[in-house]
């Protein structure tokens, strides 16, 4: 598809699509700088974007950011809602009782999983830092070797 001659064209008189897009991008940048998109649910949505970033230089940085944001399993209570008419109050009480029993048995498992997740992310970050340092040192060494092998007049 030729970007100068798109197959589909959407427009309206008096609307500058470029200005609208620029305004949206500026608002997203402002919100991102303010931390509005640092929630776990946004990180989950960003995982799909990671597929498009895979060849980008910022892939690992973005991937690790997403991992840090969603590393913890949520072990907090949640609201139990039941909409089945006259049985709703009894079903809510039953579900709350079941949840308390399940929480008793699964809390330790969740806590251990959070520890493992945290360690894995920390290990990945450490490996990325080491790899980046080694790569920078190798690039520096290559530049030094190339400088030594060039003829002095070049």
Protein backbone atom coordinates (compact mmCIF):
# COMPACT_ATOMS: atom_id res chain seq x y z
CA UNK A 1 0.00 0.00 0.00
CA UNK A 2 1.29 3.43 -0.90
CA UNK A 3 0.99 5.79 2.13
CA UNK A 4 0.55 8.78 -0.19
CA UNK A 5 -2.41 7.11 -1.91
CA UNK A 6 -4.20 5.05 0.79
CA UNK A 7 -6.87 2.54 -0.14
CA UNK A 8 -9.21 4.12 2.38
CA UNK A 9 -9.49 7.81 3.10
CA UNK A 10 -11.47 9.19 6.02
CA UNK A 11 -11.96 12.88 6.44
CA UNK A 12 -14.36 15.70 7.05
CA UNK A 13 -14.40 19.30 5.97
CA UNK A 14 -12.69 21.56 8.48
CA UNK A 15 -11.00 18.69 10.37
CA UNK A 16 -7.21 18.52 10.41
CA UNK A 17 -6.55 14.81 11.08
CA UNK A 18 -2.83 15.47 11.57
CA UNK A 19 -3.57 18.04 14.26
CA UNK A 20 -5.96 15.64 16.02
CA UNK A 21 -3.35 12.86 15.98
CA UNK A 22 -0.66 15.27 17.25
CA UNK A 23 -3.00 16.39 20.05
CA UNK A 24 -3.68 12.77 21.06
CA UNK A 25 0.03 11.92 21.00
CA UNK A 26 0.84 14.97 23.14
CA UNK A 27 -1.83 14.03 25.68
CA UNK A 28 -0.58 10.44 25.87
CA UNK A 29 3.00 11.70 26.36
CA UNK A 30 1.84 14.04 29.13
CA UNK A 31 -0.07 11.27 30.90
CA UNK A 32 2.79 8.82 30.51
CA UNK A 33 5.21 11.37 32.05
CA UNK A 34 2.74 11.85 34.93
CA UNK A 35 2.67 8.07 35.54
CA UNK A 36 -0.93 7.58 34.50
CA UNK A 37 -0.09 4.44 32.54
CA UNK A 38 2.00 2.70 35.21
CA UNK A 39 -0.79 0.38 36.30
CA UNK A 40 -0.69 -3.39 35.93
CA UNK A 41 -3.75 -3.44 33.64
CA UNK A 42 -1.99 -1.08 31.26
CA UNK A 43 1.09 -3.29 31.42
CA UNK A 44 -1.04 -6.27 30.42
CA UNK A 45 -2.30 -4.34 27.41
CA UNK A 46 1.27 -3.33 26.57
CA UNK A 47 2.33 -6.98 26.31
CA UNK A 48 0.65 -7.09 22.91
CA UNK A 49 2.64 -4.03 21.85
CA UNK A 50 5.85 -5.84 22.80
CA UNK A 51 5.39 -8.02 19.75
CA UNK A 52 5.67 -4.91 17.57
CA UNK A 53 8.71 -3.71 19.52
CA UNK A 54 10.75 -6.92 19.13
CA UNK A 55 13.16 -5.37 16.62
CA UNK A 56 13.25 -2.02 18.41
CA UNK A 57 16.26 -1.06 20.52
CA UNK A 58 13.94 -0.31 23.46
CA UNK A 59 12.34 -3.77 23.48
CA UNK A 60 14.14 -5.13 26.53
CA UNK A 61 13.67 -1.93 28.50
CA UNK A 62 9.94 -1.91 27.77
CA UNK A 63 9.61 -5.65 28.41
CA UNK A 64 11.31 -5.39 31.81
CA UNK A 65 9.13 -2.40 32.70
CA UNK A 66 6.01 -4.46 31.95
CA UNK A 67 7.34 -7.38 33.98
CA UNK A 68 8.07 -5.15 36.97
CA UNK A 69 4.53 -3.77 36.83
CA UNK A 70 2.78 -7.15 36.81
CA UNK A 71 5.22 -9.28 38.79
CA UNK A 72 3.02 -9.61 41.89
CA UNK A 73 0.05 -11.94 42.07
CA UNK A 74 -2.84 -9.99 43.62
CA UNK A 75 -3.70 -11.81 46.86
CA UNK A 76 -6.06 -9.19 48.21
CA UNK A 77 -9.75 -9.72 48.85
CA UNK A 78 -12.16 -8.71 46.16
CA UNK A 79 -15.82 -7.81 46.09
CA UNK A 80 -18.11 -10.78 45.57
CA UNK A 81 -21.22 -9.87 43.62
CA UNK A 82 -24.16 -12.14 42.94
CA UNK A 83 -27.08 -11.23 40.67
CA UNK A 84 -29.33 -14.28 40.99
CA UNK A 85 -32.35 -12.66 42.57
CA UNK A 86 -33.66 -13.87 45.90
CA UNK A 87 -30.77 -16.31 46.44
CA UNK A 88 -28.14 -13.58 46.06
CA UNK A 89 -27.51 -12.86 49.78
CA UNK A 90 -27.12 -16.55 50.62
CA UNK A 91 -24.87 -17.17 47.61
CA UNK A 92 -22.68 -14.19 48.53
CA UNK A 93 -22.26 -15.54 52.07
CA UNK A 94 -21.45 -19.01 50.70
CA UNK A 95 -18.91 -17.63 48.22
CA UNK A 96 -17.28 -15.48 50.92
CA UNK A 97 -16.94 -18.54 53.15
CA UNK A 98 -15.44 -20.59 50.31
CA UNK A 99 -13.06 -17.72 49.49
CA UNK A 100 -11.85 -17.54 53.11
CA UNK A 101 -11.16 -21.29 53.09
CA UNK A 102 -9.36 -21.11 49.74
CA UNK A 103 -7.37 -18.08 50.83
CA UNK A 104 -6.19 -19.96 53.91
CA UNK A 105 -4.79 -22.75 51.73
CA UNK A 106 -3.48 -20.66 48.85
CA UNK A 107 -2.01 -17.60 50.61
CA UNK A 108 1.37 -19.27 51.17
CA UNK A 109 1.49 -20.46 47.56
CA UNK A 110 0.74 -16.97 46.27
CA UNK A 111 3.33 -15.44 48.57
CA UNK A 112 5.97 -17.88 47.33
CA UNK A 113 4.98 -17.22 43.72
CA UNK A 114 5.40 -13.48 44.30
CA UNK A 115 8.90 -14.14 45.67
CA UNK A 116 9.81 -16.30 42.68
CA UNK A 117 8.41 -13.73 40.23
CA UNK A 118 10.39 -10.96 41.91
CA UNK A 119 13.61 -12.99 41.79
CA UNK A 120 13.12 -13.87 38.13
CA UNK A 121 12.58 -10.23 37.15
CA UNK A 122 15.60 -9.17 39.20
CA UNK A 123 17.71 -11.86 37.53
CA UNK A 124 16.54 -10.77 34.07
CA UNK A 125 17.36 -7.15 34.86
CA UNK A 126 20.81 -8.17 36.09
CA UNK A 127 21.44 -10.24 32.98
CA UNK A 128 20.32 -7.36 30.76
CA UNK A 129 22.62 -4.93 32.58
CA UNK A 130 25.57 -7.34 32.26
CA UNK A 131 24.87 -7.94 28.59
CA UNK A 132 24.61 -4.20 27.90
CA UNK A 133 27.90 -3.56 29.73
CA UNK A 134 29.69 -6.35 27.88
CA UNK A 135 28.31 -5.17 24.55
CA UNK A 136 29.44 -1.60 25.22
CA UNK A 137 32.92 -2.83 26.19
CA UNK A 138 33.16 -4.98 23.05
CA UNK A 139 32.02 -2.11 20.84
CA UNK A 140 34.64 0.12 22.47
CA UNK A 141 37.31 -2.55 21.94
CA UNK A 142 36.33 -2.97 18.28
CA UNK A 143 36.53 0.79 17.77
CA UNK A 144 40.01 0.83 19.35
CA UNK A 145 41.20 -2.07 17.19
CA UNK A 146 39.82 -0.48 14.05
CA UNK A 147 41.57 2.78 14.93
CA UNK A 148 44.87 0.92 15.37
CA UNK A 149 44.61 -0.90 12.03
CA UNK A 150 43.71 2.16 9.93
CA UNK A 151 46.53 3.74 7.98
CA UNK A 152 47.75 6.88 9.71
CA UNK A 153 46.87 9.12 6.77
CA UNK A 154 43.15 8.22 6.74
